[in-house]
């Protein structure tokens, strides 16, 4: 029987992305995005909940995310949910969930700084799907 792990998110970056390279030279970029959900309670009060998601992007797409994304930028992320385990300072095993992105689309407007840095880039060179 087939299985599926697929996550789709639209949110804003909480900080600038961080890129690093694995020992074998593969690029990986990490960033966090926030999504919000507004609702009205039974008492008529409007509330908003914010959820944070850790995102990992690999390969050429990681390099593009590092180059074009910045804090506050809105993105669409499609990927799979992945559990990451580590040992905390107190010796306890901890688990966090992160999204390993298969696809990242840059949404919203680019900043003026990003536009001026791009120089002579043609529209077809910009990494939007």
N, C-alpha and C. Protein backbone atom coordinates (compact mmCIF):
# COMPACT_ATOMS: atom_id res chain seq x y z
N UNK A 1 0.84 -1.17 0.00
CA UNK A 1 0.00 0.00 0.00
C UNK A 1 0.89 1.25 0.00
N UNK A 2 0.56 2.21 -0.80
CA UNK A 2 1.33 3.45 -0.90
C UNK A 2 1.05 4.34 0.30
N UNK A 3 2.00 5.22 0.60
CA UNK A 3 1.81 6.19 1.67
C UNK A 3 2.19 7.57 1.17
N UNK A 4 1.82 8.57 1.93
CA UNK A 4 2.06 9.94 1.50
C UNK A 4 2.34 10.82 2.70
N UNK A 5 3.37 11.64 2.61
CA UNK A 5 3.66 12.68 3.59
C UNK A 5 3.82 13.97 2.80
N UNK A 6 2.81 14.84 2.85
CA UNK A 6 2.85 16.08 2.08
C UNK A 6 2.32 17.22 2.93
N UNK A 7 3.08 18.31 2.94
CA UNK A 7 2.73 19.50 3.70
C UNK A 7 2.75 20.68 2.74
N UNK A 8 1.73 21.53 2.83
CA UNK A 8 1.67 22.76 2.04
C UNK A 8 1.48 23.92 3.00
N UNK A 9 2.36 24.91 2.92
CA UNK A 9 2.32 26.06 3.81
C UNK A 9 2.47 27.34 3.02
N UNK A 10 1.82 28.39 3.47
CA UNK A 10 2.06 29.74 2.98
C UNK A 10 2.28 30.59 4.22
N UNK A 11 3.45 31.22 4.30
CA UNK A 11 3.76 32.02 5.48
C UNK A 11 4.87 33.00 5.20
N UNK A 12 5.31 33.67 6.25
CA UNK A 12 6.35 34.68 6.15
C UNK A 12 7.59 34.24 6.91
N UNK A 13 8.77 34.52 6.34
CA UNK A 13 10.02 34.18 7.00
C UNK A 13 10.19 34.98 8.28
N UNK A 14 10.60 34.28 9.34
CA UNK A 14 10.82 34.94 10.63
C UNK A 14 12.21 35.51 10.77
N UNK A 15 13.14 35.09 9.90
CA UNK A 15 14.51 35.61 9.90
C UNK A 15 15.12 35.30 8.54
N UNK A 16 16.28 35.84 8.29
CA UNK A 16 16.96 35.55 7.03
C UNK A 16 17.34 34.08 6.97
N UNK A 17 17.33 33.48 5.78
CA UNK A 17 17.71 32.07 5.66
C UNK A 17 19.20 31.88 5.98
N UNK A 18 19.54 30.67 6.40
CA UNK A 18 20.93 30.31 6.69
C UNK A 18 21.32 29.15 5.80
N UNK A 19 22.39 29.34 5.02
CA UNK A 19 22.84 28.29 4.11
C UNK A 19 24.16 27.71 4.60
N UNK A 20 24.31 26.41 4.41
CA UNK A 20 25.56 25.73 4.72
C UNK A 20 25.74 24.63 3.68
N UNK A 21 26.89 24.00 3.71
CA UNK A 21 27.17 22.91 2.78
C UNK A 21 27.49 21.65 3.56
N UNK A 22 27.00 20.51 3.08
CA UNK A 22 27.33 19.23 3.69
C UNK A 22 28.78 18.91 3.35
N UNK A 23 29.39 17.95 4.05
CA UNK A 23 30.79 17.59 3.74
C UNK A 23 31.01 17.20 2.28
N UNK A 24 29.98 16.67 1.62
CA UNK A 24 30.13 16.30 0.21
C UNK A 24 29.78 17.45 -0.74
N UNK A 25 29.56 18.66 -0.20
CA UNK A 25 29.38 19.84 -1.03
C UNK A 25 27.96 20.18 -1.43
N UNK A 26 26.97 19.52 -0.88
CA UNK A 26 25.58 19.81 -1.23
C UNK A 26 25.05 20.96 -0.37
N UNK A 27 24.41 21.93 -1.01
CA UNK A 27 23.88 23.10 -0.31
C UNK A 27 22.59 22.73 0.42
N UNK A 28 22.45 23.28 1.63
CA UNK A 28 21.20 23.16 2.38
C UNK A 28 20.93 24.50 3.05
N UNK A 29 19.71 24.99 2.87
CA UNK A 29 19.31 26.26 3.46
C UNK A 29 18.17 26.00 4.42
N UNK A 30 18.23 26.63 5.59
CA UNK A 30 17.20 26.48 6.61
C UNK A 30 16.60 27.85 6.91
N UNK A 31 15.31 27.85 7.14
CA UNK A 31 14.63 29.06 7.59
C UNK A 31 13.35 28.65 8.30
N UNK A 32 12.77 29.61 9.01
CA UNK A 32 11.51 29.37 9.70
C UNK A 32 10.46 30.28 9.10
N UNK A 33 9.25 29.73 8.98
CA UNK A 33 8.14 30.57 8.53
C UNK A 33 7.03 30.52 9.56
N UNK A 34 6.28 31.61 9.60
CA UNK A 34 5.13 31.72 10.50
C UNK A 34 3.86 31.73 9.67
N UNK A 35 2.89 30.98 10.13
CA UNK A 35 1.55 31.03 9.55
C UNK A 35 0.61 31.50 10.64
N UNK A 36 -0.48 32.16 10.25
CA UNK A 36 -1.41 32.61 11.26
C UNK A 36 -2.82 32.17 10.90
N UNK A 37 -3.62 32.01 11.95
CA UNK A 37 -5.00 31.56 11.82
C UNK A 37 -5.85 32.47 12.68
N UNK A 38 -6.80 33.15 12.06
CA UNK A 38 -7.72 34.03 12.79
C UNK A 38 -9.06 33.33 12.95
N UNK A 39 -9.64 33.49 14.11
CA UNK A 39 -10.96 32.91 14.35
C UNK A 39 -11.70 33.74 15.39
N UNK A 40 -12.98 33.50 15.49
CA UNK A 40 -13.81 34.20 16.45
C UNK A 40 -14.31 33.19 17.48
N UNK A 41 -14.14 33.52 18.74
CA UNK A 41 -14.58 32.63 19.82
C UNK A 41 -16.10 32.67 19.94
N UNK A 42 -16.63 31.75 20.73
CA UNK A 42 -18.08 31.72 20.92
C UNK A 42 -18.58 32.99 21.62
N UNK A 43 -17.67 33.70 22.30
CA UNK A 43 -18.03 34.96 22.96
C UNK A 43 -17.93 36.15 22.00
N UNK A 44 -17.57 35.88 20.73
CA UNK A 44 -17.48 36.95 19.74
C UNK A 44 -16.14 37.65 19.70
N UNK A 45 -15.17 37.14 20.43
CA UNK A 45 -13.85 37.74 20.49
C UNK A 45 -12.98 37.20 19.34
N UNK A 46 -12.30 38.10 18.63
CA UNK A 46 -11.41 37.69 17.55
C UNK A 46 -10.05 37.33 18.12
N UNK A 47 -9.56 36.17 17.73
CA UNK A 47 -8.25 35.69 18.19
C UNK A 47 -7.40 35.33 16.99
N UNK A 48 -6.08 35.32 17.23
CA UNK A 48 -5.14 34.93 16.19
C UNK A 48 -4.10 34.00 16.80
N UNK A 49 -3.86 32.88 16.12
CA UNK A 49 -2.82 31.94 16.54
C UNK A 49 -1.72 31.95 15.49
N UNK A 50 -0.48 31.90 15.95
CA UNK A 50 0.66 31.85 15.05
C UNK A 50 1.39 30.52 15.27
N UNK A 51 1.66 29.83 14.19
CA UNK A 51 2.44 28.59 14.23
C UNK A 51 3.73 28.79 13.46
N UNK A 52 4.83 28.27 14.02
CA UNK A 52 6.14 28.37 13.38
C UNK A 52 6.56 27.02 12.83
N UNK A 53 7.17 27.03 11.64
CA UNK A 53 7.62 25.82 10.99
C UNK A 53 9.07 25.98 10.56
N UNK A 54 9.88 24.96 10.84
CA UNK A 54 11.27 24.93 10.40
C UNK A 54 11.29 24.28 9.02
N UNK A 55 11.95 24.94 8.06
CA UNK A 55 12.01 24.47 6.67
C UNK A 55 13.46 24.19 6.28
N UNK A 56 13.70 23.08 5.59
CA UNK A 56 15.02 22.77 5.02
C UNK A 56 14.86 22.61 3.52
N UNK A 57 15.75 23.24 2.77
CA UNK A 57 15.72 23.17 1.31
C UNK A 57 17.10 22.72 0.85
N UNK A 58 17.16 21.85 -0.16
CA UNK A 58 18.42 21.25 -0.59
C UNK A 58 18.77 21.61 -2.03
N UNK A 59 20.06 21.53 -2.36
CA UNK A 59 20.55 21.66 -3.73
C UNK A 59 20.47 23.07 -4.28
N UNK A 60 20.22 23.16 -5.58
CA UNK A 60 20.18 24.46 -6.26
C UNK A 60 19.08 25.35 -5.70
N UNK A 61 17.95 24.74 -5.36
CA UNK A 61 16.86 25.52 -4.77
C UNK A 61 17.28 26.14 -3.44
N UNK A 62 18.15 25.46 -2.69
CA UNK A 62 18.67 26.01 -1.43
C UNK A 62 19.47 27.28 -1.70
N UNK A 63 20.29 27.24 -2.73
CA UNK A 63 21.10 28.41 -3.09
C UNK A 63 20.21 29.57 -3.51
N UNK A 64 19.15 29.29 -4.27
CA UNK A 64 18.23 30.34 -4.70
C UNK A 64 17.47 30.94 -3.52
N UNK A 65 17.04 30.09 -2.59
CA UNK A 65 16.35 30.60 -1.39
C UNK A 65 17.28 31.50 -0.58
N UNK A 66 18.52 31.09 -0.43
CA UNK A 66 19.48 31.90 0.32
C UNK A 66 19.72 33.25 -0.38
N UNK A 67 19.74 33.24 -1.69
CA UNK A 67 20.02 34.47 -2.44
C UNK A 67 18.84 35.43 -2.47
N UNK A 68 17.63 34.93 -2.62
CA UNK A 68 16.47 35.79 -2.88
C UNK A 68 15.53 36.01 -1.70
N UNK A 69 15.61 35.17 -0.69
CA UNK A 69 14.68 35.33 0.43
C UNK A 69 15.30 36.14 1.56
N UNK A 70 14.45 36.80 2.32
CA UNK A 70 14.90 37.54 3.50
C UNK A 70 13.74 37.60 4.49
N UNK A 71 14.05 38.02 5.70
CA UNK A 71 13.07 38.11 6.77
C UNK A 71 11.83 38.88 6.29
N UNK A 72 10.66 38.34 6.59
CA UNK A 72 9.40 39.00 6.24
C UNK A 72 8.83 38.57 4.91
N UNK A 73 9.64 37.98 4.04
CA UNK A 73 9.19 37.60 2.70
C UNK A 73 8.17 36.47 2.79
N UNK A 74 7.13 36.56 2.00
CA UNK A 74 6.10 35.52 1.98
C UNK A 74 6.50 34.42 1.01
N UNK A 75 6.32 33.16 1.42
CA UNK A 75 6.67 32.02 0.59
C UNK A 75 5.58 30.96 0.64
N UNK A 76 5.54 30.17 -0.43
CA UNK A 76 4.73 28.97 -0.51
C UNK A 76 5.71 27.81 -0.42
N UNK A 77 5.47 26.88 0.49
CA UNK A 77 6.37 25.74 0.67
C UNK A 77 5.57 24.46 0.53
N UNK A 78 6.10 23.55 -0.26
CA UNK A 78 5.50 22.23 -0.43
C UNK A 78 6.58 21.20 -0.14
N UNK A 79 6.28 20.24 0.69
CA UNK A 79 7.30 19.25 1.02
C UNK A 79 6.75 18.14 1.88
N UNK A 80 7.67 17.48 2.58
CA UNK A 80 7.27 16.36 3.44
C UNK A 80 7.67 16.66 4.87
N UNK A 81 6.90 16.11 5.79
CA UNK A 81 7.17 16.28 7.20
C UNK A 81 8.24 15.27 7.62
N UNK A 82 9.22 15.75 8.38
CA UNK A 82 10.35 14.91 8.77
C UNK A 82 10.62 15.11 10.26
N UNK A 83 10.76 14.01 11.00
CA UNK A 83 11.08 14.08 12.43
C UNK A 83 12.59 14.05 12.59
N UNK A 84 13.13 14.98 13.38
CA UNK A 84 14.57 15.05 13.64
C UNK A 84 14.79 14.85 15.13
N UNK A 85 15.63 13.89 15.47
CA UNK A 85 15.92 13.59 16.87
C UNK A 85 17.31 14.09 17.25
N UNK A 86 17.46 14.55 18.49
CA UNK A 86 18.76 14.96 18.99
C UNK A 86 18.76 14.81 20.51
N UNK A 87 19.96 14.84 21.08
CA UNK A 87 20.09 14.74 22.53
C UNK A 87 20.28 16.14 23.10
N UNK A 88 19.42 16.51 24.02
CA UNK A 88 19.48 17.83 24.65
C UNK A 88 20.58 17.86 25.70
N UNK A 89 20.88 19.04 26.23
CA UNK A 89 21.94 19.21 27.24
C UNK A 89 21.65 18.41 28.51
N UNK A 90 20.36 18.18 28.78
CA UNK A 90 20.01 17.41 29.98
C UNK A 90 20.07 15.90 29.75
N UNK A 91 20.50 15.48 28.56
CA UNK A 91 20.65 14.07 28.25
C UNK A 91 19.39 13.42 27.68
N UNK A 92 18.30 14.14 27.65
CA UNK A 92 17.04 13.62 27.12
C UNK A 92 17.02 13.68 25.60
N UNK A 93 16.42 12.68 24.98
CA UNK A 93 16.24 12.70 23.53
C UNK A 93 15.06 13.59 23.21
N UNK A 94 15.27 14.51 22.30
CA UNK A 94 14.22 15.44 21.87
C UNK A 94 13.91 15.19 20.40
N UNK A 95 12.70 15.54 20.01
CA UNK A 95 12.26 15.40 18.63
C UNK A 95 11.65 16.72 18.18
N UNK A 96 11.99 17.15 16.98
CA UNK A 96 11.31 18.29 16.39
C UNK A 96 10.87 17.89 15.00
N UNK A 97 9.80 18.51 14.55
CA UNK A 97 9.31 18.24 13.21
C UNK A 97 9.75 19.38 12.31
N UNK A 98 10.21 19.03 11.13
CA UNK A 98 10.56 20.06 10.16
C UNK A 98 10.05 19.63 8.80
N UNK A 99 9.91 20.59 7.92
CA UNK A 99 9.45 20.32 6.56
C UNK A 99 10.67 20.31 5.66
N UNK A 100 10.87 19.21 4.96
CA UNK A 100 11.90 19.14 3.93
C UNK A 100 11.21 19.54 2.63
N UNK A 101 11.57 20.72 2.13
CA UNK A 101 10.85 21.30 0.99
C UNK A 101 11.25 20.65 -0.32
N UNK A 102 10.24 20.34 -1.12
CA UNK A 102 10.44 19.91 -2.49
C UNK A 102 10.29 21.10 -3.43
N UNK A 103 9.49 22.08 -2.99
CA UNK A 103 9.18 23.23 -3.83
C UNK A 103 9.00 24.46 -2.96
N UNK A 104 9.64 25.55 -3.35
CA UNK A 104 9.49 26.82 -2.66
C UNK A 104 9.19 27.88 -3.71
N UNK A 105 8.07 28.56 -3.55
CA UNK A 105 7.71 29.66 -4.45
C UNK A 105 7.82 30.96 -3.68
N UNK A 106 8.42 31.96 -4.29
CA UNK A 106 8.57 33.27 -3.66
C UNK A 106 7.33 34.09 -3.96
N UNK A 107 6.65 34.53 -2.94
CA UNK A 107 5.42 35.30 -3.09
C UNK A 107 5.65 36.73 -2.65
N UNK A 108 4.66 37.57 -2.88
CA UNK A 108 4.75 38.94 -2.44
C UNK A 108 5.73 39.76 -3.27
N UNK A 109 5.93 40.98 -2.84
CA UNK A 109 6.81 41.89 -3.57
C UNK A 109 8.25 41.76 -3.11
N UNK A 110 9.17 41.92 -4.06
CA UNK A 110 10.59 41.96 -3.70
C UNK A 110 10.91 43.35 -3.16
N UNK A 111 11.88 43.42 -2.28
CA UNK A 111 12.26 44.72 -1.73
C UNK A 111 13.08 45.49 -2.74
N UNK A 112 13.17 46.80 -2.55
CA UNK A 112 13.99 47.62 -3.45
C UNK A 112 15.44 47.20 -3.40
N UNK A 113 15.93 46.83 -2.22
CA UNK A 113 17.32 46.39 -2.10
C UNK A 113 17.56 45.15 -2.95
N UNK A 114 16.63 44.20 -2.91
CA UNK A 114 16.78 42.98 -3.70
C UNK A 114 16.73 43.32 -5.19
N UNK A 115 15.88 44.28 -5.57
CA UNK A 115 15.81 44.65 -6.98
C UNK A 115 17.11 45.27 -7.45
N UNK A 116 17.71 46.14 -6.65
CA UNK A 116 18.93 46.80 -7.08
C UNK A 116 20.11 45.83 -7.12
N UNK A 117 20.11 44.81 -6.27
CA UNK A 117 21.20 43.84 -6.28
C UNK A 117 21.14 42.91 -7.49
N UNK A 118 19.95 42.74 -8.07
CA UNK A 118 19.80 41.79 -9.17
C UNK A 118 20.39 42.30 -10.47
N UNK A 119 20.49 43.60 -10.62
CA UNK A 119 21.12 44.15 -11.82
C UNK A 119 20.43 43.75 -13.10
N UNK A 120 21.14 43.03 -13.98
CA UNK A 120 20.65 42.72 -15.31
C UNK A 120 19.94 41.37 -15.42
N UNK A 121 19.38 40.87 -14.36
CA UNK A 121 18.70 39.58 -14.41
C UNK A 121 17.41 39.72 -15.20
N UNK A 122 17.20 38.80 -16.10
CA UNK A 122 15.98 38.76 -16.91
C UNK A 122 14.89 38.04 -16.12
N UNK A 123 13.61 38.33 -16.40
CA UNK A 123 12.52 37.68 -15.67
C UNK A 123 12.60 36.16 -15.69
N UNK A 124 13.04 35.56 -16.80
CA UNK A 124 13.11 34.11 -16.87
C UNK A 124 14.24 33.54 -16.02
N UNK A 125 15.17 34.39 -15.53
CA UNK A 125 16.26 33.94 -14.67
C UNK A 125 15.86 33.88 -13.20
N UNK A 126 14.77 34.53 -12.84
CA UNK A 126 14.33 34.57 -11.45
C UNK A 126 13.71 33.23 -11.10
N UNK A 127 14.07 32.65 -9.96
CA UNK A 127 13.67 31.28 -9.64
C UNK A 127 12.24 31.12 -9.14
N UNK A 128 11.27 31.60 -9.91
CA UNK A 128 9.87 31.39 -9.58
C UNK A 128 9.36 30.27 -10.46
N UNK A 129 8.51 29.43 -9.92
CA UNK A 129 7.90 28.37 -10.74
C UNK A 129 6.67 28.89 -11.39
